[in-house]
Amino acid sequence: MPGPANISFGNVSGSFILQVANTVTTNVGANTSVERTITVPGLRAGIDVVTGVSKPSAQAGLAIVAARVSANDTLALTYMNASGGAIGPAAETYLIQVDRAGYDSQASIPTAIA
């Protein structure tokens, strides 16, 4: 009979759900996409990964198509407007899921394992 199974959970040291107020309501032009940034204290570039964004309201033609930590304390959201007219994202509170790596990607990578 085989031994016990080891389930790998990777290198995630924490997973967080954050409430982020979107006050960046500048219009997204027709049939285009644009990246907007929001200050979120505590986010760390190279360590945190945005794995989910929940926008509470639907806006016809407008979608969030990408999310990333672009710099320390900065969340970057890419909006896509698939309509024929400009749309401004509603001022509302998003839920953002962030996974934090269990390592510091800025640290040196070992060149050899002894």
PDB file of N, CA and C in Angstrom:
ATOM      1  N   MET A   1       0.852  -1.176   0.000  1.00  0.00           N
ATOM      2  CA  MET A   1       0.000   0.000   0.000  1.00  0.00           C
ATOM      3  C   MET A   1       0.897   1.237   0.000  1.00  0.00           C
ATOM      4  N   PRO A   2       0.614   2.226  -0.855  1.00  0.00           N
ATOM      5  CA  PRO A   2       1.461   3.415  -0.917  1.00  0.00           C
ATOM      6  C   PRO A   2       1.370   4.236   0.368  1.00  0.00           C
ATOM      7  N   GLY A   3       2.375   5.063   0.571  1.00  0.00           N
ATOM      8  CA  GLY A   3       2.416   5.926   1.751  1.00  0.00           C
ATOM      9  C   GLY A   3       1.431   7.085   1.630  1.00  0.00           C
ATOM     10  N   PRO A   4       1.423   7.972   2.634  1.00  0.00           N
ATOM     11  CA  PRO A   4       0.482   9.089   2.641  1.00  0.00           C
ATOM     12  C   PRO A   4       0.779  10.077   1.508  1.00  0.00           C
ATOM     13  N   ALA A   5      -0.250  10.728   1.046  1.00  0.00           N
ATOM     14  CA  ALA A   5      -0.096  11.733  -0.017  1.00  0.00           C
ATOM     15  C   ALA A   5       0.294  13.066   0.602  1.00  0.00           C
ATOM     16  N   ASN A   6       1.178  13.751  -0.054  1.00  0.00           N
ATOM     17  CA  ASN A   6       1.545  15.098   0.359  1.00  0.00           C
ATOM     18  C   ASN A   6       0.853  16.075  -0.583  1.00  0.00           C
ATOM     19  N   ILE A   7       0.043  16.949  -0.032  1.00  0.00           N
ATOM     20  CA  ILE A   7      -0.642  17.949  -0.844  1.00  0.00           C
ATOM     21  C   ILE A   7       0.163  19.228  -0.781  1.00  0.00           C
ATOM     22  N   SER A   8       0.585  19.700  -1.937  1.00  0.00           N
ATOM     23  CA  SER A   8       1.381  20.915  -2.004  1.00  0.00           C
ATOM     24  C   SER A   8       0.485  22.135  -2.048  1.00  0.00           C
ATOM     25  N   PHE A   9       0.754  23.088  -1.203  1.00  0.00           N
ATOM     26  CA  PHE A   9       0.012  24.338  -1.200  1.00  0.00           C
ATOM     27  C   PHE A   9       0.855  25.466  -1.770  1.00  0.00           C
ATOM     28  N   GLY A  10       2.007  25.155  -2.336  1.00  0.00           N
ATOM     29  CA  GLY A  10       2.847  26.188  -2.933  1.00  0.00           C
ATOM     30  C   GLY A  10       3.494  27.060  -1.889  1.00  0.00           C
ATOM     31  N   ASN A  11       3.775  28.275  -2.275  1.00  0.00           N
ATOM     32  CA  ASN A  11       4.515  29.165  -1.391  1.00  0.00           C
ATOM     33  C   ASN A  11       3.679  30.354  -0.934  1.00  0.00           C
ATOM     34  N   VAL A  12       2.364  30.217  -0.850  1.00  0.00           N
ATOM     35  CA  VAL A  12       1.499  31.309  -0.406  1.00  0.00           C
ATOM     36  C   VAL A  12       1.489  31.336   1.116  1.00  0.00           C
ATOM     37  N   SER A  13       1.918  32.468   1.685  1.00  0.00           N
ATOM     38  CA  SER A  13       1.938  32.566   3.146  1.00  0.00           C
ATOM     39  C   SER A  13       0.642  33.152   3.688  1.00  0.00           C
ATOM     40  N   GLY A  14      -0.130  33.832   2.833  1.00  0.00           N
ATOM     41  CA  GLY A  14      -1.393  34.393   3.287  1.00  0.00           C
ATOM     42  C   GLY A  14      -2.269  34.783   2.110  1.00  0.00           C
ATOM     43  N   SER A  15      -3.569  34.717   2.314  1.00  0.00           N
ATOM     44  CA  SER A  15      -4.527  35.137   1.304  1.00  0.00           C
ATOM     45  C   SER A  15      -5.487  36.099   1.981  1.00  0.00           C
ATOM     46  N   PHE A  16      -5.705  37.260   1.377  1.00  0.00           N
ATOM     47  CA  PHE A  16      -6.468  38.321   2.020  1.00  0.00           C
ATOM     48  C   PHE A  16      -7.577  38.813   1.103  1.00  0.00           C
ATOM     49  N   ILE A  17      -8.709  39.178   1.685  1.00  0.00           N
ATOM     50  CA  ILE A  17      -9.781  39.861   0.967  1.00  0.00           C
ATOM     51  C   ILE A  17      -9.795  41.295   1.502  1.00  0.00           C
ATOM     52  N   LEU A  18      -9.621  42.252   0.603  1.00  0.00           N
ATOM     53  CA  LEU A  18      -9.555  43.653   0.983  1.00  0.00           C
ATOM     54  C   LEU A  18     -10.738  44.410   0.397  1.00  0.00           C
ATOM     55  N   GLN A  19     -11.253  45.375   1.134  1.00  0.00           N
ATOM     56  CA  GLN A  19     -12.248  46.297   0.601  1.00  0.00           C
ATOM     57  C   GLN A  19     -11.493  47.516   0.111  1.00  0.00           C
ATOM     58  N   VAL A  20     -11.661  47.826  -1.166  1.00  0.00           N
ATOM     59  CA  VAL A  20     -10.941  48.938  -1.778  1.00  0.00           C
ATOM     60  C   VAL A  20     -11.952  49.890  -2.396  1.00  0.00           C
ATOM     61  N   ALA A  21     -11.943  51.142  -1.946  1.00  0.00           N
ATOM     62  CA  ALA A  21     -12.851  52.143  -2.491  1.00  0.00           C
ATOM     63  C   ALA A  21     -12.315  52.640  -3.827  1.00  0.00           C
ATOM     64  N   ASN A  22     -13.112  52.493  -4.873  1.00  0.00           N
ATOM     65  CA  ASN A  22     -12.729  53.012  -6.181  1.00  0.00           C
ATOM     66  C   ASN A  22     -13.279  54.421  -6.314  1.00  0.00           C
ATOM     67  N   THR A  23     -12.390  55.381  -6.335  1.00  0.00           N
ATOM     68  CA  THR A  23     -12.786  56.771  -6.539  1.00  0.00           C
ATOM     69  C   THR A  23     -12.290  57.279  -7.888  1.00  0.00           C
ATOM     70  N   VAL A  24     -11.627  56.412  -8.661  1.00  0.00           N
ATOM     71  CA  VAL A  24     -11.101  56.777  -9.979  1.00  0.00           C
ATOM     72  C   VAL A  24     -12.204  56.503 -10.997  1.00  0.00           C
ATOM     73  N   THR A  25     -13.002  57.504 -11.293  1.00  0.00           N
ATOM     74  CA  THR A  25     -14.175  57.314 -12.137  1.00  0.00           C
ATOM     75  C   THR A  25     -14.020  57.983 -13.503  1.00  0.00           C
ATOM     76  N   THR A  26     -12.796  58.302 -13.890  1.00  0.00           N
ATOM     77  CA  THR A  26     -12.535  58.911 -15.188  1.00  0.00           C
ATOM     78  C   THR A  26     -13.012  57.982 -16.300  1.00  0.00           C
ATOM     79  N   ASN A  27     -13.613  58.555 -17.316  1.00  0.00           N
ATOM     80  CA  ASN A  27     -14.173  57.758 -18.408  1.00  0.00           C
ATOM     81  C   ASN A  27     -13.134  56.890 -19.105  1.00  0.00           C
ATOM     82  N   VAL A  28     -13.594  55.714 -19.516  1.00  0.00           N
ATOM     83  CA  VAL A  28     -12.829  54.813 -20.385  1.00  0.00           C
ATOM     84  C   VAL A  28     -13.425  55.003 -21.771  1.00  0.00           C
ATOM     85  N   GLY A  29     -12.591  55.357 -22.730  1.00  0.00           N
ATOM     86  CA  GLY A  29     -13.066  55.646 -24.075  1.00  0.00           C
ATOM     87  C   GLY A  29     -13.720  54.444 -24.743  1.00  0.00           C
ATOM     88  N   ALA A  30     -14.503  54.728 -25.762  1.00  0.00           N
ATOM     89  CA  ALA A  30     -15.216  53.684 -26.502  1.00  0.00           C
ATOM     90  C   ALA A  30     -14.243  52.697 -27.124  1.00  0.00           C
ATOM     91  N   ASN A  31     -14.588  51.410 -27.029  1.00  0.00           N
ATOM     92  CA  ASN A  31     -13.825  50.326 -27.674  1.00  0.00           C
ATOM     93  C   ASN A  31     -12.331  50.371 -27.370  1.00  0.00           C
ATOM     94  N   THR A  32     -12.001  50.565 -26.109  1.00  0.00           N
ATOM     95  CA  THR A  32     -10.589  50.626 -25.712  1.00  0.00           C
ATOM     96  C   THR A  32     -10.422  50.078 -24.298  1.00  0.00           C
ATOM     97  N   SER A  33      -9.188  50.000 -23.858  1.00  0.00           N
ATOM     98  CA  SER A  33      -8.903  49.611 -22.480  1.00  0.00           C
ATOM     99  C   SER A  33      -7.907  50.608 -21.897  1.00  0.00           C
ATOM    100  N   VAL A  34      -7.945  50.725 -20.576  1.00  0.00           N
ATOM    101  CA  VAL A  34      -7.064  51.661 -19.887  1.00  0.00           C
ATOM    102  C   VAL A  34      -6.769  51.135 -18.487  1.00  0.00           C
ATOM    103  N   GLU A  35      -5.552  51.389 -18.018  1.00  0.00           N
ATOM    104  CA  GLU A  35      -5.173  50.975 -16.664  1.00  0.00           C
ATOM    105  C   GLU A  35      -5.277  52.178 -15.739  1.00  0.00           C
ATOM    106  N   ARG A  36      -5.918  51.963 -14.589  1.00  0.00           N
ATOM    107  CA  ARG A  36      -6.042  52.995 -13.557  1.00  0.00           C
ATOM    108  C   ARG A  36      -5.423  52.458 -12.273  1.00  0.00           C
ATOM    109  N   THR A  37      -4.850  53.339 -11.463  1.00  0.00           N
ATOM    110  CA  THR A  37      -4.228  52.904 -10.212  1.00  0.00           C
ATOM    111  C   THR A  37      -4.993  53.451  -9.009  1.00  0.00           C
ATOM    112  N   ILE A  38      -4.961  52.660  -7.939  1.00  0.00           N
ATOM    113  CA  ILE A  38      -5.588  53.009  -6.671  1.00  0.00           C
ATOM    114  C   ILE A  38      -4.568  52.740  -5.574  1.00  0.00           C
ATOM    115  N   THR A  39      -4.416  53.664  -4.652  1.00  0.00           N
ATOM    116  CA  THR A  39      -3.503  53.470  -3.529  1.00  0.00           C
ATOM    117  C   THR A  39      -4.119  52.511  -2.520  1.00  0.00           C
ATOM    118  N   VAL A  40      -3.384  51.434  -2.216  1.00  0.00           N
ATOM    119  CA  VAL A  40      -3.806  50.449  -1.221  1.00  0.00           C
ATOM    120  C   VAL A  40      -2.612  50.211  -0.301  1.00  0.00           C
ATOM    121  N   PRO A  41      -2.567  50.892   0.847  1.00  0.00           N
ATOM    122  CA  PRO A  41      -1.432  50.741   1.743  1.00  0.00           C
ATOM    123  C   PRO A  41      -1.206  49.278   2.133  1.00  0.00           C
ATOM    124  N   GLY A  42       0.054  48.859   2.083  1.00  0.00           N
ATOM    125  CA  GLY A  42       0.409  47.504   2.491  1.00  0.00           C
ATOM    126  C   GLY A  42       0.655  46.547   1.340  1.00  0.00           C
ATOM    127  N   LEU A  43       0.191  46.863   0.129  1.00  0.00           N
ATOM    128  CA  LEU A  43       0.493  45.989  -1.006  1.00  0.00           C
ATOM    129  C   LEU A  43       1.979  46.054  -1.310  1.00  0.00           C
ATOM    130  N   ARG A  44       2.556  44.912  -1.702  1.00  0.00           N
ATOM    131  CA  ARG A  44       3.988  44.834  -1.987  1.00  0.00           C
ATOM    132  C   ARG A  44       4.217  44.273  -3.383  1.00  0.00           C
ATOM    133  N   ALA A  45       4.876  45.069  -4.213  1.00  0.00           N
ATOM    134  CA  ALA A  45       5.213  44.642  -5.574  1.00  0.00           C
ATOM    135  C   ALA A  45       6.208  43.488  -5.514  1.00  0.00           C
ATOM    136  N   GLY A  46       6.011  42.500  -6.356  1.00  0.00           N
ATOM    137  CA  GLY A  46       6.910  41.360  -6.413  1.00  0.00           C
ATOM    138  C   GLY A  46       6.639  40.304  -5.359  1.00  0.00           C
ATOM    139  N   ILE A  47       5.757  40.587  -4.423  1.00  0.00           N
ATOM    140  CA  ILE A  47       5.425  39.637  -3.362  1.00  0.00           C
ATOM    141  C   ILE A  47       3.938  39.303  -3.382  1.00  0.00           C
ATOM    142  N   ASP A  48       3.085  40.311  -3.641  1.00  0.00           N
ATOM    143  CA  ASP A  48       1.643  40.116  -3.648  1.00  0.00           C
ATOM    144  C   ASP A  48       1.137  39.879  -5.067  1.00  0.00           C
ATOM    145  N   VAL A  49       0.140  38.995  -5.185  1.00  0.00           N
ATOM    146  CA  VAL A  49      -0.494  38.693  -6.466  1.00  0.00           C
ATOM    147  C   VAL A  49      -1.991  38.900  -6.296  1.00  0.00           C
ATOM    148  N   VAL A  50      -2.581  39.715  -7.172  1.00  0.00           N
ATOM    149  CA  VAL A  50      -4.029  39.924  -7.138  1.00  0.00           C
ATOM    150  C   VAL A  50      -4.671  38.757  -7.876  1.00  0.00           C
ATOM    151  N   THR A  51      -5.470  37.965  -7.164  1.00  0.00           N
ATOM    152  CA  THR A  51      -6.068  36.770  -7.764  1.00  0.00           C
ATOM    153  C   THR A  51      -7.561  36.914  -8.017  1.00  0.00           C
ATOM    154  N   GLY A  52      -8.147  38.023  -7.611  1.00  0.00           N
ATOM    155  CA  GLY A  52      -9.566  38.218  -7.862  1.00  0.00           C
ATOM    156  C   GLY A  52     -10.003  39.639  -7.593  1.00  0.00           C
ATOM    157  N   VAL A  53     -10.975  40.098  -8.383  1.00  0.00           N
ATOM    158  CA  VAL A  53     -11.573  41.420  -8.196  1.00  0.00           C
ATOM    159  C   VAL A  53     -13.080  41.253  -8.331  1.00  0.00           C
ATOM    160  N   SER A  54     -13.818  41.757  -7.357  1.00  0.00           N
ATOM    161  CA  SER A  54     -15.277  41.710  -7.408  1.00  0.00           C
ATOM    162  C   SER A  54     -15.805  43.138  -7.442  1.00  0.00           C
ATOM    163  N   LYS A  55     -16.359  43.512  -8.585  1.00  0.00           N
ATOM    164  CA  LYS A  55     -16.990  44.820  -8.751  1.00  0.00           C
ATOM    165  C   LYS A  55     -18.475  44.612  -8.450  1.00  0.00           C
ATOM    166  N   PRO A  56     -19.033  45.333  -7.460  1.00  0.00           N
ATOM    167  CA  PRO A  56     -20.383  45.024  -7.011  1.00  0.00           C
ATOM    168  C   PRO A  56     -21.504  45.330  -8.004  1.00  0.00           C
ATOM    169  N   SER A  57     -21.288  46.264  -8.924  1.00  0.00           N
ATOM    170  CA  SER A  57     -22.372  46.581  -9.858  1.00  0.00           C
ATOM    171  C   SER A  57     -21.968  46.236 -11.284  1.00  0.00           C
ATOM    172  N   ALA A  58     -22.968  45.959 -12.093  1.00  0.00           N
ATOM    173  CA  ALA A  58     -22.738  45.707 -13.510  1.00  0.00           C
ATOM    174  C   ALA A  58     -22.886  47.022 -14.260  1.00  0.00           C
ATOM    175  N   GLN A  59     -22.003  47.243 -15.213  1.00  0.00           N
ATOM    176  CA  GLN A  59     -22.107  48.390 -16.097  1.00  0.00           C
ATOM    177  C   GLN A  59     -21.949  47.856 -17.517  1.00  0.00           C
ATOM    178  N   ALA A  60     -23.015  47.934 -18.295  1.00  0.00           N
ATOM    179  CA  ALA A  60     -23.017  47.360 -19.640  1.00  0.00           C
ATOM    180  C   ALA A  60     -21.835  47.871 -20.456  1.00  0.00           C
ATOM    181  N   GLY A  61     -21.048  46.930 -20.986  1.00  0.00           N
ATOM    182  CA  GLY A  61     -19.902  47.263 -21.830  1.00  0.00           C
ATOM    183  C   GLY A  61     -18.594  47.436 -21.086  1.00  0.00           C
ATOM    184  N   LEU A  62     -18.633  47.556 -19.750  1.00  0.00           N
ATOM    185  CA  LEU A  62     -17.418  47.801 -18.974  1.00  0.00           C
ATOM    186  C   LEU A  62     -17.019  46.547 -18.197  1.00  0.00           C
ATOM    187  N   ALA A  63     -15.740  46.186 -18.276  1.00  0.00           N
ATOM    188  CA  ALA A  63     -15.232  45.015 -17.558  1.00  0.00           C
ATOM    189  C   ALA A  63     -13.852  45.314 -16.992  1.00  0.00           C
ATOM    190  N   ILE A  64     -13.528  44.662 -15.883  1.00  0.00           N
ATOM    191  CA  ILE A  64     -12.165  44.680 -15.355  1.00  0.00           C
ATOM    192  C   ILE A  64     -11.491  43.447 -15.923  1.00  0.00           C
ATOM    193  N   VAL A  65     -10.461  43.635 -16.729  1.00  0.00           N
ATOM    194  CA  VAL A  65      -9.841  42.514 -17.436  1.00  0.00           C
ATOM    195  C   VAL A  65      -8.478  42.127 -16.884  1.00  0.00           C
ATOM    196  N   ALA A  66      -7.893  42.940 -16.013  1.00  0.00           N
ATOM    197  CA  ALA A  66      -6.602  42.598 -15.406  1.00  0.00           C
ATOM    198  C   ALA A  66      -6.444  43.376 -14.108  1.00  0.00           C
ATOM    199  N   ALA A  67      -5.694  42.790 -13.187  1.00  0.00           N
ATOM    200  CA  ALA A  67      -5.393  43.438 -11.911  1.00  0.00           C
ATOM    201  C   ALA A  67      -3.996  43.014 -11.496  1.00  0.00           C
ATOM    202  N   ARG A  68      -3.224  43.970 -10.977  1.00  0.00           N
ATOM    203  CA  ARG A  68      -1.859  43.670 -10.552  1.00  0.00           C
ATOM    204  C   ARG A  68      -1.410  44.680  -9.507  1.00  0.00           C
ATOM    205  N   VAL A  69      -0.345  44.338  -8.807  1.00  0.00           N
ATOM    206  CA  VAL A  69       0.310  45.277  -7.913  1.00  0.00           C
ATOM    207  C   VAL A  69       1.426  45.897  -8.738  1.00  0.00           C
ATOM    208  N   SER A  70       1.259  47.161  -9.119  1.00  0.00           N
ATOM    209  CA  SER A  70       2.219  47.798 -10.030  1.00  0.00           C
ATOM    210  C   SER A  70       3.416  48.406  -9.299  1.00  0.00           C
ATOM    211  N   ALA A  71       3.255  48.711  -8.026  1.00  0.00           N
ATOM    212  CA  ALA A  71       4.327  49.254  -7.187  1.00  0.00           C
ATOM    213  C   ALA A  71       3.878  49.068  -5.741  1.00  0.00           C
ATOM    214  N   ASN A  72       4.786  49.246  -4.805  1.00  0.00           N
ATOM    215  CA  ASN A  72       4.382  49.153  -3.407  1.00  0.00           C
ATOM    216  C   ASN A  72       3.212  50.108  -3.149  1.00  0.00           C
ATOM    217  N   ASP A  73       2.201  49.629  -2.436  1.00  0.00           N
ATOM    218  CA  ASP A  73       1.022  50.406  -2.066  1.00  0.00           C
ATOM    219  C   ASP A  73       0.151  50.823  -3.258  1.00  0.00           C
ATOM    220  N   THR A  74       0.302  50.169  -4.417  1.00  0.00           N
ATOM    221  CA  THR A  74      -0.434  50.578  -5.612  1.00  0.00           C
ATOM    222  C   THR A  74      -1.074  49.389  -6.320  1.00  0.00           C
ATOM    223  N   LEU A  75      -2.410  49.440  -6.436  1.00  0.00           N
ATOM    224  CA  LEU A  75      -3.178  48.453  -7.181  1.00  0.00           C
ATOM    225  C   LEU A  75      -3.478  49.035  -8.551  1.00  0.00           C
ATOM    226  N   ALA A  76      -3.204  48.282  -9.612  1.00  0.00           N
ATOM    227  CA  ALA A  76      -3.496  48.718 -10.975  1.00  0.00           C
ATOM    228  C   ALA A  76      -4.594  47.835 -11.546  1.00  0.00           C
ATOM    229  N   LEU A  77      -5.682  48.447 -11.984  1.00  0.00           N
ATOM    230  CA  LEU A  77      -6.807  47.737 -12.587  1.00  0.00           C
ATOM    231  C   LEU A  77      -6.916  48.158 -14.048  1.00  0.00           C
ATOM    232  N   THR A  78      -7.082  47.181 -14.934  1.00  0.00           N
ATOM    233  CA  THR A  78      -7.286  47.481 -16.345  1.00  0.00           C
ATOM    234  C   THR A  78      -8.760  47.300 -16.657  1.00  0.00           C
ATOM    235  N   TYR A  79      -9.369  48.383 -17.118  1.00  0.00           N
ATOM    236  CA  TYR A  79     -10.769  48.381 -17.526  1.00  0.00           C
ATOM    237  C   TYR A  79     -10.838  48.271 -19.042  1.00  0.00           C
ATOM    238  N   MET A  80     -11.831  47.516 -19.536  1.00  0.00           N
ATOM    239  CA  MET A  80     -12.074  47.440 -20.966  1.00  0.00           C
ATOM    240  C   MET A  80     -13.497  47.911 -21.225  1.00  0.00           C
ATOM    241  N   ASN A  81     -13.625  48.795 -22.207  1.00  0.00           N
ATOM    242  CA  ASN A  81     -14.928  49.296 -22.617  1.00  0.00           C
ATOM    243  C   ASN A  81     -15.226  48.719 -23.990  1.00  0.00           C
ATOM    244  N   ALA A  82     -16.215  47.842 -24.062  1.00  0.00           N
ATOM    245  CA  ALA A  82     -16.579  47.195 -25.321  1.00  0.00           C
ATOM    246  C   ALA A  82     -17.778  47.866 -25.980  1.00  0.00           C
ATOM    247  N   SER A  83     -18.125  49.053 -25.508  1.00  0.00           N
ATOM    248  CA  SER A  83     -19.286  49.744 -26.079  1.00  0.00           C
ATOM    249  C   SER A  83     -18.837  50.843 -27.045  1.00  0.00           C
ATOM    250  N   GLY A  84     -19.803  51.463 -27.677  1.00  0.00           N
ATOM    251  CA  GLY A  84     -19.509  52.521 -28.639  1.00  0.00           C
ATOM    252  C   GLY A  84     -19.419  53.902 -28.024  1.00  0.00           C
ATOM    253  N   GLY A  85     -19.580  54.015 -26.710  1.00  0.00           N
ATOM    254  CA  GLY A  85     -19.501  55.311 -26.030  1.00  0.00           C
ATOM    255  C   GLY A  85     -18.636  55.219 -24.795  1.00  0.00           C
ATOM    256  N   ALA A  86     -18.214  56.373 -24.288  1.00  0.00           N
ATOM    257  CA  ALA A  86     -17.374  56.416 -23.087  1.00  0.00           C
ATOM    258  C   ALA A  86     -18.179  55.977 -21.863  1.00  0.00           C
ATOM    259  N   ILE A  87     -17.497  55.283 -20.940  1.00  0.00           N
ATOM    260  CA  ILE A  87     -18.129  54.828 -19.688  1.00  0.00           C
ATOM    261  C   ILE A  87     -17.190  55.168 -18.537  1.00  0.00           C
ATOM    262  N   GLY A  88     -17.738  55.710 -17.479  1.00  0.00           N
ATOM    263  CA  GLY A  88     -16.964  55.952 -16.265  1.00  0.00           C
ATOM    264  C   GLY A  88     -17.282  54.885 -15.233  1.00  0.00           C
ATOM    265  N   PRO A  89     -16.266  54.195 -14.699  1.00  0.00           N
ATOM    266  CA  PRO A  89     -16.527  53.205 -13.649  1.00  0.00           C
ATOM    267  C   PRO A  89     -17.224  53.873 -12.459  1.00  0.00           C
ATOM    268  N   ALA A  90     -18.195  53.198 -11.904  1.00  0.00           N
ATOM    269  CA  ALA A  90     -18.935  53.742 -10.762  1.00  0.00           C
ATOM    270  C   ALA A  90     -18.032  53.875  -9.541  1.00  0.00           C
ATOM    271  N   ALA A  91     -18.278  54.901  -8.739  1.00  0.00           N
ATOM    272  CA  ALA A  91     -17.577  55.053  -7.466  1.00  0.00           C
ATOM    273  C   ALA A  91     -18.220  54.076  -6.490  1.00  0.00           C
ATOM    274  N   GLU A  92     -17.499  53.027  -6.137  1.00  0.00           N
ATOM    275  CA  GLU A  92     -18.017  51.977  -5.266  1.00  0.00           C
ATOM    276  C   GLU A  92     -16.862  51.221  -4.635  1.00  0.00           C
ATOM    277  N   THR A  93     -17.167  50.313  -3.735  1.00  0.00           N
ATOM    278  CA  THR A  93     -16.141  49.552  -3.032  1.00  0.00           C
ATOM    279  C   THR A  93     -16.006  48.173  -3.654  1.00  0.00           C
ATOM    280  N   TYR A  94     -14.802  47.859  -4.119  1.00  0.00           N
ATOM    281  CA  TYR A  94     -14.493  46.559  -4.702  1.00  0.00           C
ATOM    282  C   TYR A  94     -13.962  45.631  -3.614  1.00  0.00           C
ATOM    283  N   LEU A  95     -14.137  44.331  -3.816  1.00  0.00           N
ATOM    284  CA  LEU A  95     -13.460  43.337  -2.998  1.00  0.00           C
ATOM    285  C   LEU A  95     -12.302  42.798  -3.828  1.00  0.00           C
ATOM    286  N   ILE A  96     -11.115  42.813  -3.269  1.00  0.00           N
ATOM    287  CA  ILE A  96      -9.909  42.387  -3.955  1.00  0.00           C
ATOM    288  C   ILE A  96      -9.302  41.227  -3.181  1.00  0.00           C
ATOM    289  N   GLN A  97      -9.012  40.119  -3.858  1.00  0.00           N
ATOM    290  CA  GLN A  97      -8.306  39.012  -3.211  1.00  0.00           C
ATOM    291  C   GLN A  97      -6.834  39.115  -3.572  1.00  0.00           C
ATOM    292  N   VAL A  98      -6.002  39.062  -2.534  1.00  0.00           N
ATOM    293  CA  VAL A  98      -4.556  39.166  -2.703  1.00  0.00           C
ATOM    294  C   VAL A  98      -3.897  37.964  -2.044  1.00  0.00           C
ATOM    295  N   ASP A  99      -3.015  37.302  -2.777  1.00  0.00           N
ATOM    296  CA  ASP A  99      -2.196  36.227  -2.212  1.00  0.00           C
ATOM    297  C   ASP A  99      -0.793  36.768  -2.011  1.00  0.00           C
ATOM    298  N   ARG A 100      -0.239  36.508  -0.832  1.00  0.00           N
ATOM    299  CA  ARG A 100       1.114  36.966  -0.516  1.00  0.00           C
ATOM    300  C   ARG A 100       2.057  35.776  -0.535  1.00  0.00           C
ATOM    301  N   ALA A 101       3.124  35.918  -1.296  1.00  0.00           N
ATOM    302  CA  ALA A 101       4.118  34.852  -1.411  1.00  0.00           C
ATOM    303  C   ALA A 101       4.818  34.630  -0.075  1.00  0.00           C
ATOM    304  N   GLY A 102       5.228  33.386   0.144  1.00  0.00           N
ATOM    305  CA  GLY A 102       5.934  33.021   1.362  1.00  0.00           C
ATOM    306  C   GLY A 102       7.426  33.268   1.257  1.00  0.00           C
ATOM    307  N   TYR A 103       7.833  33.979   0.227  1.00  0.00           N
ATOM    308  CA  TYR A 103       9.246  34.299   0.038  1.00  0.00           C
ATOM    309  C   TYR A 103       9.324  35.725  -0.449  1.00  0.00           C
ATOM    310  N   ASP A 104      10.495  36.287  -0.386  1.00  0.00           N
ATOM    311  CA  ASP A 104      10.725  37.641  -0.881  1.00  0.00           C
ATOM    312  C   ASP A 104      11.385  37.535  -2.244  1.00  0.00           C
ATOM    313  N   SER A 105      10.655  37.890  -3.287  1.00  0.00           N
ATOM    314  CA  SER A 105      11.189  37.751  -4.644  1.00  0.00           C
ATOM    315  C   SER A 105      12.336  38.722  -4.919  1.00  0.00           C
ATOM    316  N   GLN A 106      12.544  39.676  -4.032  1.00  0.00           N
ATOM    317  CA  GLN A 106      13.646  40.606  -4.211  1.00  0.00           C
ATOM    318  C   GLN A 106      14.974  40.060  -3.667  1.00  0.00           C
ATOM    319  N   ALA A 107      14.858  38.971  -2.893  1.00  0.00           N
ATOM    320  CA  ALA A 107      16.062  38.370  -2.306  1.00  0.00           C
ATOM    321  C   ALA A 107      16.849  37.626  -3.388  1.00  0.00           C
ATOM    322  N   SER A 108      18.111  37.413  -3.144  1.00  0.00           N
ATOM    323  CA  SER A 108      18.951  36.689  -4.097  1.00  0.00           C
ATOM    324  C   SER A 108      18.527  35.242  -4.203  1.00  0.00           C
ATOM    325  N   ILE A 109      18.551  34.723  -5.416  1.00  0.00           N
ATOM    326  CA  ILE A 109      18.254  33.315  -5.650  1.00  0.00           C
ATOM    327  C   ILE A 109      19.545  32.526  -5.457  1.00  0.00           C
ATOM    328  N   PRO A 110      19.486  31.432  -4.707  1.00  0.00           N
ATOM    329  CA  PRO A 110      20.714  30.646  -4.509  1.00  0.00           C
ATOM    330  C   PRO A 110      21.263  30.153  -5.841  1.00  0.00           C
ATOM    331  N   THR A 111      22.576  30.183  -5.973  1.00  0.00           N
ATOM    332  CA  THR A 111      23.204  29.716  -7.212  1.00  0.00           C
ATOM    333  C   THR A 111      23.533  28.239  -7.146  1.00  0.00           C
ATOM    334  N   ALA A 112      23.521  27.670  -5.973  1.00  0.00           N
ATOM    335  CA  ALA A 112      23.808  26.234  -5.824  1.00  0.00           C
ATOM    336  C   ALA A 112      23.166  25.732  -4.544  1.00  0.00           C
ATOM    337  N   ILE A 113      22.823  24.481  -4.523  1.00  0.00           N
ATOM    338  CA  ILE A 113      22.282  23.861  -3.326  1.00  0.00           C
ATOM    339  C   ILE A 113      23.314  22.874  -2.813  1.00  0.00           C
ATOM    340  N   ALA A 114      23.724  23.053  -1.563  1.00  0.00           N
ATOM    341  CA  ALA A 114      24.772  22.193  -1.003  1.00  0.00           C
ATOM    342  C   ALA A 114      24.176  20.925  -0.431  1.00  0.00           C
TER     343      ALA A 114
END
